[in-house]
Amino acid sequence: TITTPYGTFDALRQRSDINIIDTFSYDIFTFPFTYITHEYRWLAPGE
């Protein structure tokens, strides 16, 4: 159960772990970046 300013809900929580590779290229140069983002979502029936 989760309570927010909108109300109280029975919910499932989904955690998303996202491995991201960004590659920026300009002219002859290439710059790669790697990082991790996490997303947590509480989903309630009918919402």
All heavy atoms as atom14 arrays in JSON, in Angstrom:
{
  "sequence": "TITTPYGTFDALRQRSDINIIDTFSYDIFTFPFTYITHEYRWLAPGE",
  "atom14_mask": [
    [1, 1, 1, 1, 1, 1, 1, 0, 0, 0, 0, 0, 0, 0],
    [1, 1, 1, 1, 1, 1, 1, 1, 0, 0, 0, 0, 0, 0],
    [1, 1, 1, 1, 1, 1, 1, 0, 0, 0, 0, 0, 0, 0],
    [1, 1, 1, 1, 1, 1, 1, 0, 0, 0, 0, 0, 0, 0],
    [1, 1, 1, 1, 1, 1, 1, 0, 0, 0, 0, 0, 0, 0],
    [1, 1, 1, 1, 1, 1, 1, 1, 1, 1, 1, 1, 0, 0],
    [1, 1, 1, 1, 0, 0, 0, 0, 0, 0, 0, 0, 0, 0],
    [1, 1, 1, 1, 1, 1, 1, 0, 0, 0, 0, 0, 0, 0],
    [1, 1, 1, 1, 1, 1, 1, 1, 1, 1, 1, 0, 0, 0],
    [1, 1, 1, 1, 1, 1, 1, 1, 0, 0, 0, 0, 0, 0],
    [1, 1, 1, 1, 1, 0, 0, 0, 0, 0, 0, 0, 0, 0],
    [1, 1, 1, 1, 1, 1, 1, 1, 0, 0, 0, 0, 0, 0],
    [1, 1, 1, 1, 1, 1, 1, 1, 1, 1, 1, 0, 0, 0],
    [1, 1, 1, 1, 1, 1, 1, 1, 1, 0, 0, 0, 0, 0],
    [1, 1, 1, 1, 1, 1, 1, 1, 1, 1, 1, 0, 0, 0],
    [1, 1, 1, 1, 1, 1, 0, 0, 0, 0, 0, 0, 0, 0],
    [1, 1, 1, 1, 1, 1, 1, 1, 0, 0, 0, 0, 0, 0],
    [1, 1, 1, 1, 1, 1, 1, 1, 0, 0, 0, 0, 0, 0],
    [1, 1, 1, 1, 1, 1, 1, 1, 0, 0, 0, 0, 0, 0],
    [1, 1, 1, 1, 1, 1, 1, 1, 0, 0, 0, 0, 0, 0],
    [1, 1, 1, 1, 1, 1, 1, 1, 0, 0, 0, 0, 0, 0],
    [1, 1, 1, 1, 1, 1, 1, 1, 0, 0, 0, 0, 0, 0],
    [1, 1, 1, 1, 1, 1, 1, 0, 0, 0, 0, 0, 0, 0],
    [1, 1, 1, 1, 1, 1, 1, 1, 1, 1, 1, 0, 0, 0],
    [1, 1, 1, 1, 1, 1, 0, 0, 0, 0, 0, 0, 0, 0],
    [1, 1, 1, 1, 1, 1, 1, 1, 1, 1, 1, 1, 0, 0],
    [1, 1, 1, 1, 1, 1, 1, 1, 0, 0, 0, 0, 0, 0],
    [1, 1, 1, 1, 1, 1, 1, 1, 0, 0, 0, 0, 0, 0],
    [1, 1, 1, 1, 1, 1, 1, 1, 1, 1, 1, 0, 0, 0],
    [1, 1, 1, 1, 1, 1, 1, 0, 0, 0, 0, 0, 0, 0],
    [1, 1, 1, 1, 1, 1, 1, 1, 1, 1, 1, 0, 0, 0],
    [1, 1, 1, 1, 1, 1, 1, 0, 0, 0, 0, 0, 0, 0],
    [1, 1, 1, 1, 1, 1, 1, 1, 1, 1, 1, 0, 0, 0],
    [1, 1, 1, 1, 1, 1, 1, 0, 0, 0, 0, 0, 0, 0],
    [1, 1, 1, 1, 1, 1, 1, 1, 1, 1, 1, 1, 0, 0],
    [1, 1, 1, 1, 1, 1, 1, 1, 0, 0, 0, 0, 0, 0],
    [1, 1, 1, 1, 1, 1, 1, 0, 0, 0, 0, 0, 0, 0],
    [1, 1, 1, 1, 1, 1, 1, 1, 1, 1, 0, 0, 0, 0],
    [1, 1, 1, 1, 1, 1, 1, 1, 1, 0, 0, 0, 0, 0],
    [1, 1, 1, 1, 1, 1, 1, 1, 1, 1, 1, 1, 0, 0],
    [1, 1, 1, 1, 1, 1, 1, 1, 1, 1, 1, 0, 0, 0],
    [1, 1, 1, 1, 1, 1, 1, 1, 1, 1, 1, 1, 1, 1],
    [1, 1, 1, 1, 1, 1, 1, 1, 0, 0, 0, 0, 0, 0],
    [1, 1, 1, 1, 1, 0, 0, 0, 0, 0, 0, 0, 0, 0],
    [1, 1, 1, 1, 1, 1, 1, 0, 0, 0, 0, 0, 0, 0],
    [1, 1, 1, 1, 0, 0, 0, 0, 0, 0, 0, 0, 0, 0],
    [1, 1, 1, 1, 1, 1, 1, 1, 1, 0, 0, 0, 0, 0]
  ],
  "atom14_positions": [
    [[0.85, -1.19, 0.0], [0.0, 0.0, 0.0], [0.88, 1.24, 0.0], [1.88, 1.3, 0.71], [-0.92, 0.02, 1.24], [-1.73, -1.15, 1.23], [-1.82, 1.25, 1.23], [0.0, 0.0, 0.0], [0.0, 0.0, 0.0], [0.0, 0.0, 0.0], [0.0, 0.0, 0.0], [0.0, 0.0, 0.0], [0.0, 0.0, 0.0], [0.0, 0.0, 0.0]],
    [[0.51, 2.21, -0.83], [1.26, 3.46, -0.89], [0.3, 4.62, -0.73], [-0.82, 4.6, -1.25], [2.06, 3.59, -2.21], [2.93, 4.86, -2.19], [1.14, 3.56, -3.42], [3.93, 4.92, -3.32], [0.0, 0.0, 0.0], [0.0, 0.0, 0.0], [0.0, 0.0, 0.0], [0.0, 0.0, 0.0], [0.0, 0.0, 0.0], [0.0, 0.0, 0.0]],
    [[0.72, 5.64, 0.02], [-0.08, 6.85, 0.23], [0.65, 8.03, -0.4], [1.82, 8.26, -0.12], [-0.32, 7.11, 1.73], [-1.05, 6.01, 2.28], [-1.11, 8.39, 1.93], [0.0, 0.0, 0.0], [0.0, 0.0, 0.0], [0.0, 0.0, 0.0], [0.0, 0.0, 0.0], [0.0, 0.0, 0.0], [0.0, 0.0, 0.0], [0.0, 0.0, 0.0]],
    [[-0.04, 8.75, -1.27], [0.5, 9.94, -1.93], [-0.45, 11.1, -1.65], [-1.53, 10.92, -1.08], [0.6, 9.71, -3.45], [-0.7, 9.83, -4.03], [1.18, 8.35, -3.77], [0.0, 0.0, 0.0], [0.0, 0.0, 0.0], [0.0, 0.0, 0.0], [0.0, 0.0, 0.0], [0.0, 0.0, 0.0], [0.0, 0.0, 0.0], [0.0, 0.0, 0.0]],
    [[-0.09, 12.31, -2.08], [-1.05, 13.43, -1.91], [-2.36, 13.21, -2.64], [-3.36, 13.87, -2.35], [-0.28, 14.62, -2.51], [1.15, 14.27, -2.31], [1.23, 12.78, -2.53], [0.0, 0.0, 0.0], [0.0, 0.0, 0.0], [0.0, 0.0, 0.0], [0.0, 0.0, 0.0], [0.0, 0.0, 0.0], [0.0, 0.0, 0.0], [0.0, 0.0, 0.0]],
    [[-2.39, 12.26, -3.6], [-3.6, 11.98, -4.38], [-4.5, 10.96, -3.7], [-5.7, 10.92, -3.96], [-3.19, 11.5, -5.77], [-4.32, 11.16, -6.7], [-5.28, 12.12, -7.07], [-4.43, 9.88, -7.24], [-6.31, 11.8, -7.94], [-5.46, 9.56, -8.12], [-6.4, 10.52, -8.46], [-7.41, 10.21, -9.32], [0.0, 0.0, 0.0], [0.0, 0.0, 0.0]],
    [[-3.92, 10.1, -2.83], [-4.73, 9.09, -2.17], [-3.91, 7.9, -1.72], [-2.66, 7.92, -1.8], [0.0, 0.0, 0.0], [0.0, 0.0, 0.0], [0.0, 0.0, 0.0], [0.0, 0.0, 0.0], [0.0, 0.0, 0.0], [0.0, 0.0, 0.0], [0.0, 0.0, 0.0], [0.0, 0.0, 0.0], [0.0, 0.0, 0.0], [0.0, 0.0, 0.0]],
    [[-4.58, 6.86, -1.25], [-3.94, 5.62, -0.8], [-4.34, 4.49, -1.74], [-5.52, 4.35, -2.07], [-4.35, 5.29, 0.64], [-3.91, 6.35, 1.5], [-3.71, 3.99, 1.1], [0.0, 0.0, 0.0], [0.0, 0.0, 0.0], [0.0, 0.0, 0.0], [0.0, 0.0, 0.0], [0.0, 0.0, 0.0], [0.0, 0.0, 0.0], [0.0, 0.0, 0.0]],
    [[-3.35, 3.68, -2.15], [-3.59, 2.69, -3.19], [-2.9, 1.37, -2.86], [-1.81, 1.36, -2.29], [-3.03, 3.18, -4.54], [-3.5, 4.54, -4.94], [-2.77, 5.67, -4.58], [-4.66, 4.7, -5.67], [-3.19, 6.94, -4.94], [-5.1, 5.96, -6.04], [-4.36, 7.08, -5.68], [0.0, 0.0, 0.0], [0.0, 0.0, 0.0], [0.0, 0.0, 0.0]],
    [[-3.52, 0.28, -3.24], [-2.84, -1.0, -3.33], [-2.06, -1.01, -4.64], [-2.61, -0.66, -5.7], [-3.84, -2.15, -3.31], [-4.55, -2.28, -1.97], [-3.91, -2.0, -0.94], [-5.74, -2.64, -1.97], [0.0, 0.0, 0.0], [0.0, 0.0, 0.0], [0.0, 0.0, 0.0], [0.0, 0.0, 0.0], [0.0, 0.0, 0.0], [0.0, 0.0, 0.0]],
    [[-0.8, -1.4, -4.59], [0.03, -1.23, -5.78], [1.09, -2.31, -5.89], [1.52, -2.9, -4.89], [0.69, 0.15, -5.76], [0.0, 0.0, 0.0], [0.0, 0.0, 0.0], [0.0, 0.0, 0.0], [0.0, 0.0, 0.0], [0.0, 0.0, 0.0], [0.0, 0.0, 0.0], [0.0, 0.0, 0.0], [0.0, 0.0, 0.0], [0.0, 0.0, 0.0]],
    [[1.51, -2.56, -7.12], [2.74, -3.27, -7.42], [3.84, -2.24, -7.68], [3.57, -1.15, -8.19], [2.59, -4.14, -8.66], [1.79, -5.44, -8.55], [1.62, -6.06, -9.93], [2.48, -6.41, -7.62], [0.0, 0.0, 0.0], [0.0, 0.0, 0.0], [0.0, 0.0, 0.0], [0.0, 0.0, 0.0], [0.0, 0.0, 0.0], [0.0, 0.0, 0.0]],
    [[5.08, -2.6, -7.33], [6.2, -1.72, -7.68], [7.07, -2.39, -8.73], [7.44, -3.56, -8.59], [7.06, -1.36, -6.46], [8.08, -0.27, -6.82], [8.94, 0.13, -5.64], [10.09, -0.79, -5.47], [11.13, -0.5, -4.71], [11.18, 0.65, -4.04], [12.12, -1.36, -4.6], [0.0, 0.0, 0.0], [0.0, 0.0, 0.0], [0.0, 0.0, 0.0]],
    [[7.37, -1.65, -9.79], [8.32, -2.11, -10.8], [9.59, -1.28, -10.71], [9.55, -0.06, -10.78], [7.75, -1.99, -12.22], [8.76, -2.37, -13.3], [8.19, -2.29, -14.7], [7.5, -3.18, -15.15], [8.5, -1.2, -15.4], [0.0, 0.0, 0.0], [0.0, 0.0, 0.0], [0.0, 0.0, 0.0], [0.0, 0.0, 0.0], [0.0, 0.0, 0.0]],
    [[10.71, -1.98, -10.56], [12.02, -1.34, -10.58], [12.64, -1.58, -11.95], [12.67, -2.7, -12.45], [12.93, -1.92, -9.5], [14.39, -1.47, -9.63], [15.28, -2.06, -8.57], [16.68, -1.77, -8.87], [17.59, -1.46, -7.95], [17.23, -1.38, -6.68], [18.83, -1.22, -8.29], [0.0, 0.0, 0.0], [0.0, 0.0, 0.0], [0.0, 0.0, 0.0]],
    [[13.15, -0.51, -12.56], [13.81, -0.6, -13.86], [15.26, -0.16, -13.7], [15.53, 0.94, -13.23], [13.11, 0.28, -14.89], [11.76, -0.09, -15.05], [0.0, 0.0, 0.0], [0.0, 0.0, 0.0], [0.0, 0.0, 0.0], [0.0, 0.0, 0.0], [0.0, 0.0, 0.0], [0.0, 0.0, 0.0], [0.0, 0.0, 0.0], [0.0, 0.0, 0.0]],
    [[16.18, -1.05, -14.07], [17.6, -0.73, -14.08], [18.02, -0.58, -15.54], [17.91, -1.52, -16.33], [18.41, -1.84, -13.41], [17.95, -2.08, -11.97], [17.89, -1.1, -11.21], [17.64, -3.24, -11.64], [0.0, 0.0, 0.0], [0.0, 0.0, 0.0], [0.0, 0.0, 0.0], [0.0, 0.0, 0.0], [0.0, 0.0, 0.0], [0.0, 0.0, 0.0]],
    [[18.51, 0.61, -15.9], [18.76, 0.93, -17.3], [20.23, 1.27, -17.48], [20.73, 2.27, -16.94], [17.89, 2.11, -17.75], [16.43, 1.88, -17.36], [17.99, 2.3, -19.26], [15.58, 3.12, -17.42], [0.0, 0.0, 0.0], [0.0, 0.0, 0.0], [0.0, 0.0, 0.0], [0.0, 0.0, 0.0], [0.0, 0.0, 0.0], [0.0, 0.0, 0.0]],
    [[20.93, 0.42, -18.22], [22.32, 0.69, -18.57], [22.34, 1.46, -19.89], [21.83, 0.97, -20.91], [23.1, -0.62, -18.72], [23.24, -1.34, -17.4], [23.96, -0.91, -16.52], [22.53, -2.45, -17.26], [0.0, 0.0, 0.0], [0.0, 0.0, 0.0], [0.0, 0.0, 0.0], [0.0, 0.0, 0.0], [0.0, 0.0, 0.0], [0.0, 0.0, 0.0]],
    [[22.91, 2.65, -19.88], [22.83, 3.56, -21.01], [24.23, 3.84, -21.55], [25.15, 4.14, -20.78], [22.15, 4.89, -20.61], [20.74, 4.6, -20.06], [22.08, 5.86, -21.79], [20.06, 5.81, -19.47], [0.0, 0.0, 0.0], [0.0, 0.0, 0.0], [0.0, 0.0, 0.0], [0.0, 0.0, 0.0], [0.0, 0.0, 0.0], [0.0, 0.0, 0.0]],
    [[24.35, 3.74, -22.88], [25.59, 4.14, -23.55], [25.25, 5.27, -24.52], [24.49, 5.07, -25.48], [26.23, 2.96, -24.32], [26.55, 1.8, -23.38], [27.5, 3.42, -25.04], [27.08, 0.57, -24.1], [0.0, 0.0, 0.0], [0.0, 0.0, 0.0], [0.0, 0.0, 0.0], [0.0, 0.0, 0.0], [0.0, 0.0, 0.0], [0.0, 0.0, 0.0]],
    [[25.78, 6.45, -24.26], [25.62, 7.58, -25.15], [26.92, 7.78, -25.93], [28.01, 7.78, -25.34], [25.32, 8.86, -24.36], [23.87, 8.94, -23.94], [23.02, 8.38, -24.64], [23.58, 9.59, -22.91], [0.0, 0.0, 0.0], [0.0, 0.0, 0.0], [0.0, 0.0, 0.0], [0.0, 0.0, 0.0], [0.0, 0.0, 0.0], [0.0, 0.0, 0.0]],
    [[26.79, 7.93, -27.24], [27.95, 8.19, -28.08], [27.7, 9.46, -28.88], [26.73, 9.53, -29.65], [28.23, 7.03, -29.04], [28.39, 5.82, -28.28], [29.5, 7.28, -29.84], [0.0, 0.0, 0.0], [0.0, 0.0, 0.0], [0.0, 0.0, 0.0], [0.0, 0.0, 0.0], [0.0, 0.0, 0.0], [0.0, 0.0, 0.0], [0.0, 0.0, 0.0]],
    [[28.54, 10.46, -28.66], [28.43, 11.73, -29.39], [29.58, 11.81, -30.38], [30.75, 11.59, -30.01], [28.48, 12.91, -28.42], [27.35, 12.94, -27.43], [27.48, 12.37, -26.18], [26.13, 13.52, -27.78], [26.43, 12.39, -25.27], [25.08, 13.54, -26.87], [25.23, 12.97, -25.62], [0.0, 0.0, 0.0], [0.0, 0.0, 0.0], [0.0, 0.0, 0.0]],
    [[29.25, 12.12, -31.62], [30.27, 12.2, -32.67], [30.22, 13.58, -33.31], [29.15, 14.09, -33.66], [30.03, 11.14, -33.74], [30.04, 9.84, -33.17], [0.0, 0.0, 0.0], [0.0, 0.0, 0.0], [0.0, 0.0, 0.0], [0.0, 0.0, 0.0], [0.0, 0.0, 0.0], [0.0, 0.0, 0.0], [0.0, 0.0, 0.0], [0.0, 0.0, 0.0]],
    [[31.4, 14.18, -33.45], [31.51, 15.48, -34.11], [32.78, 15.5, -34.94], [33.87, 15.27, -34.4], [31.53, 16.62, -33.1], [31.67, 17.98, -33.74], [30.61, 18.56, -34.42], [32.88, 18.66, -33.68], [30.73, 19.79, -35.03], [33.02, 19.89, -34.3], [31.94, 20.45, -34.97], [32.08, 21.67, -35.58], [0.0, 0.0, 0.0], [0.0, 0.0, 0.0]],
    [[32.6, 15.69, -36.24], [33.74, 15.67, -37.15], [34.41, 14.3, -37.03], [33.78, 13.28, -37.23], [34.67, 16.83, -36.83], [35.61, 17.15, -37.99], [35.42, 16.59, -39.08], [36.55, 17.94, -37.8], [0.0, 0.0, 0.0], [0.0, 0.0, 0.0], [0.0, 0.0, 0.0], [0.0, 0.0, 0.0], [0.0, 0.0, 0.0], [0.0, 0.0, 0.0]],
    [[35.69, 14.26, -36.65], [36.4, 12.98, -36.55], [36.46, 12.49, -35.1], [37.06, 11.46, -34.82], [37.83, 13.1, -37.11], [38.64, 14.12, -36.3], [37.79, 13.46, -38.59], [40.11, 14.16, -36.7], [0.0, 0.0, 0.0], [0.0, 0.0, 0.0], [0.0, 0.0, 0.0], [0.0, 0.0, 0.0], [0.0, 0.0, 0.0], [0.0, 0.0, 0.0]],
    [[35.81, 13.21, -34.19], [35.91, 12.88, -32.77], [34.66, 12.14, -32.3], [33.54, 12.45, -32.69], [36.1, 14.15, -31.94], [37.31, 14.94, -32.33], [37.18, 16.07, -33.13], [38.58, 14.55, -31.93], [38.29, 16.8, -33.5], [39.7, 15.28, -32.29], [39.55, 16.4, -33.09], [0.0, 0.0, 0.0], [0.0, 0.0, 0.0], [0.0, 0.0, 0.0]],
    [[34.87, 11.15, -31.43], [33.78, 10.37, -30.85], [33.95, 10.32, -29.34], [35.05, 10.05, -28.83], [33.76, 8.94, -31.42], [33.57, 9.0, -32.83], [32.65, 8.12, -30.79], [0.0, 0.0, 0.0], [0.0, 0.0, 0.0], [0.0, 0.0, 0.0], [0.0, 0.0, 0.0], [0.0, 0.0, 0.0], [0.0, 0.0, 0.0], [0.0, 0.0, 0.0]],
    [[32.85, 10.59, -28.62], [32.9, 10.64, -27.16], [31.83, 9.71, -26.59], [30.64, 10.01, -26.64], [32.64, 12.07, -26.67], [33.56, 13.1, -27.26], [33.22, 13.76, -28.44], [34.77, 13.41, -26.66], [34.06, 14.71, -29.0], [35.62, 14.36, -27.2], [35.27, 15.01, -28.38], [0.0, 0.0, 0.0], [0.0, 0.0, 0.0], [0.0, 0.0, 0.0]],
    [[32.22, 8.54, -26.04], [31.25, 7.62, -25.43], [31.1, 7.88, -23.92], [32.07, 8.22, -23.24], [31.87, 6.26, -25.69], [33.35, 6.52, -25.69], [33.55, 7.94, -26.19], [0.0, 0.0, 0.0], [0.0, 0.0, 0.0], [0.0, 0.0, 0.0], [0.0, 0.0, 0.0], [0.0, 0.0, 0.0], [0.0, 0.0, 0.0], [0.0, 0.0, 0.0]],
    [[29.89, 7.73, -23.43], [29.6, 7.86, -22.01], [28.69, 6.71, -21.59], [27.75, 6.37, -22.29], [28.9, 9.2, -21.7], [29.72, 10.41, -22.01], [29.65, 11.0, -23.27], [30.57, 10.96, -21.07], [30.41, 12.12, -23.58], [31.33, 12.08, -21.36], [31.25, 12.66, -22.63], [0.0, 0.0, 0.0], [0.0, 0.0, 0.0], [0.0, 0.0, 0.0]],
    [[28.98, 6.14, -20.42], [28.18, 5.04, -19.9], [27.71, 5.39, -18.49], [28.5, 5.88, -17.67], [28.99, 3.74, -19.86], [29.45, 3.42, -21.18], [28.15, 2.58, -19.34], [0.0, 0.0, 0.0], [0.0, 0.0, 0.0], [0.0, 0.0, 0.0], [0.0, 0.0, 0.0], [0.0, 0.0, 0.0], [0.0, 0.0, 0.0], [0.0, 0.0, 0.0]],
    [[26.42, 5.17, -18.23], [25.89, 5.42, -16.89], [24.66, 4.57, -16.66], [24.16, 3.91, -17.58], [25.58, 6.91, -16.68], [24.61, 7.5, -17.67], [23.26, 7.64, -17.37], [25.05, 7.95, -18.91], [22.38, 8.19, -18.26], [24.18, 8.52, -19.82], [22.84, 8.63, -19.49], [21.96, 9.18, -20.39], [0.0, 0.0, 0.0], [0.0, 0.0, 0.0]],
    [[24.18, 4.57, -15.43], [23.04, 3.73, -15.03], [21.95, 4.61, -14.43], [22.23, 5.47, -13.59], [23.48, 2.67, -14.0], [24.54, 1.74, -14.61], [22.27, 1.85, -13.53], [25.13, 0.77, -13.6], [0.0, 0.0, 0.0], [0.0, 0.0, 0.0], [0.0, 0.0, 0.0], [0.0, 0.0, 0.0], [0.0, 0.0, 0.0], [0.0, 0.0, 0.0]],
    [[20.74, 4.39, -14.89], [19.57, 5.07, -14.33], [18.63, 4.02, -13.74], [18.5, 2.92, -14.27], [18.83, 5.88, -15.43], [19.66, 6.95, -15.85], [17.52, 6.43, -14.92], [0.0, 0.0, 0.0], [0.0, 0.0, 0.0], [0.0, 0.0, 0.0], [0.0, 0.0, 0.0], [0.0, 0.0, 0.0], [0.0, 0.0, 0.0], [0.0, 0.0, 0.0]],
    [[18.0, 4.38, -12.63], [17.0, 3.51, -12.0], [15.65, 4.23, -12.0], [15.59, 5.43, -11.73], [17.39, 3.16, -10.57], [18.74, 2.51, -10.44], [18.96, 1.19, -10.76], [19.94, 3.01, -10.04], [20.25, 0.91, -10.56], [20.86, 1.99, -10.12], [0.0, 0.0, 0.0], [0.0, 0.0, 0.0], [0.0, 0.0, 0.0], [0.0, 0.0, 0.0]],
    [[14.6, 3.49, -12.3], [13.24, 4.03, -12.25], [12.39, 3.11, -11.38], [12.39, 1.89, -11.55], [12.64, 4.12, -13.65], [13.4, 5.05, -14.58], [12.92, 4.98, -16.02], [12.11, 4.08, -16.34], [13.35, 5.82, -16.83], [0.0, 0.0, 0.0], [0.0, 0.0, 0.0], [0.0, 0.0, 0.0], [0.0, 0.0, 0.0], [0.0, 0.0, 0.0]],
    [[11.66, 3.71, -10.43], [10.77, 2.95, -9.55], [9.36, 3.47, -9.78], [9.1, 4.67, -9.61], [11.16, 3.14, -8.08], [12.59, 2.77, -7.77], [13.62, 3.71, -7.93], [12.92, 1.52, -7.29], [14.94, 3.39, -7.65], [14.23, 1.18, -6.98], [15.24, 2.13, -7.17], [16.55, 1.81, -6.87], [0.0, 0.0, 0.0], [0.0, 0.0, 0.0]],
    [[8.46, 2.59, -10.16], [7.08, 3.0, -10.43], [6.11, 2.14, -9.63], [6.21, 0.93, -9.62], [6.76, 2.87, -11.92], [7.5, 3.85, -12.82], [7.08, 3.64, -14.28], [7.64, 4.64, -15.17], [8.82, 4.53, -15.79], [9.54, 3.43, -15.59], [9.25, 5.48, -16.59], [0.0, 0.0, 0.0], [0.0, 0.0, 0.0], [0.0, 0.0, 0.0]],
    [[5.17, 2.82, -8.97], [4.11, 2.14, -8.23], [2.85, 2.2, -9.08], [2.34, 3.28, -9.39], [3.88, 2.82, -6.88], [4.91, 2.52, -5.84], [4.78, 1.67, -4.78], [6.24, 3.09, -5.71], [5.93, 1.67, -4.01], [6.84, 2.53, -4.55], [6.96, 4.03, -6.45], [8.12, 2.88, -4.14], [8.23, 4.36, -6.05], [8.81, 3.79, -4.9]],
    [[2.34, 1.03, -9.46], [1.19, 0.95, -10.35], [0.0, 0.38, -9.6], [0.11, -0.7, -8.98], [1.5, 0.08, -11.57], [2.59, 0.63, -12.49], [3.9, -0.1, -12.24], [2.19, 0.5, -13.94], [0.0, 0.0, 0.0], [0.0, 0.0, 0.0], [0.0, 0.0, 0.0], [0.0, 0.0, 0.0], [0.0, 0.0, 0.0], [0.0, 0.0, 0.0]],
    [[-1.12, 1.09, -9.65], [-2.34, 0.68, -8.95], [-3.42, 0.34, -9.97], [-3.52, 0.99, -11.02], [-2.82, 1.81, -8.03], [0.0, 0.0, 0.0], [0.0, 0.0, 0.0], [0.0, 0.0, 0.0], [0.0, 0.0, 0.0], [0.0, 0.0, 0.0], [0.0, 0.0, 0.0], [0.0, 0.0, 0.0], [0.0, 0.0, 0.0], [0.0, 0.0, 0.0]],
    [[-4.24, -0.67, -9.69], [-5.28, -1.07, -10.65], [-6.22, 0.08, -11.0], [-6.68, 0.82, -10.12], [-6.03, -2.18, -9.9], [-5.04, -2.72, -8.91], [-4.23, -1.53, -8.49], [0.0, 0.0, 0.0], [0.0, 0.0, 0.0], [0.0, 0.0, 0.0], [0.0, 0.0, 0.0], [0.0, 0.0, 0.0], [0.0, 0.0, 0.0], [0.0, 0.0, 0.0]],
    [[-6.47, 0.24, -12.29], [-7.44, 1.22, -12.75], [-6.98, 2.66, -12.8], [-7.74, 3.54, -13.18], [0.0, 0.0, 0.0], [0.0, 0.0, 0.0], [0.0, 0.0, 0.0], [0.0, 0.0, 0.0], [0.0, 0.0, 0.0], [0.0, 0.0, 0.0], [0.0, 0.0, 0.0], [0.0, 0.0, 0.0], [0.0, 0.0, 0.0], [0.0, 0.0, 0.0]],
    [[-5.73, 2.93, -12.41], [-5.26, 4.31, -12.35], [-4.64, 4.8, -13.66], [-4.42, 5.99, -13.84], [-4.27, 4.5, -11.2], [-4.91, 4.38, -9.84], [-6.01, 5.41, -9.63], [-5.82, 6.58, -9.99], [-7.07, 5.03, -9.12], [0.0, 0.0, 0.0], [0.0, 0.0, 0.0], [0.0, 0.0, 0.0], [0.0, 0.0, 0.0], [0.0, 0.0, 0.0]]
  ]
}
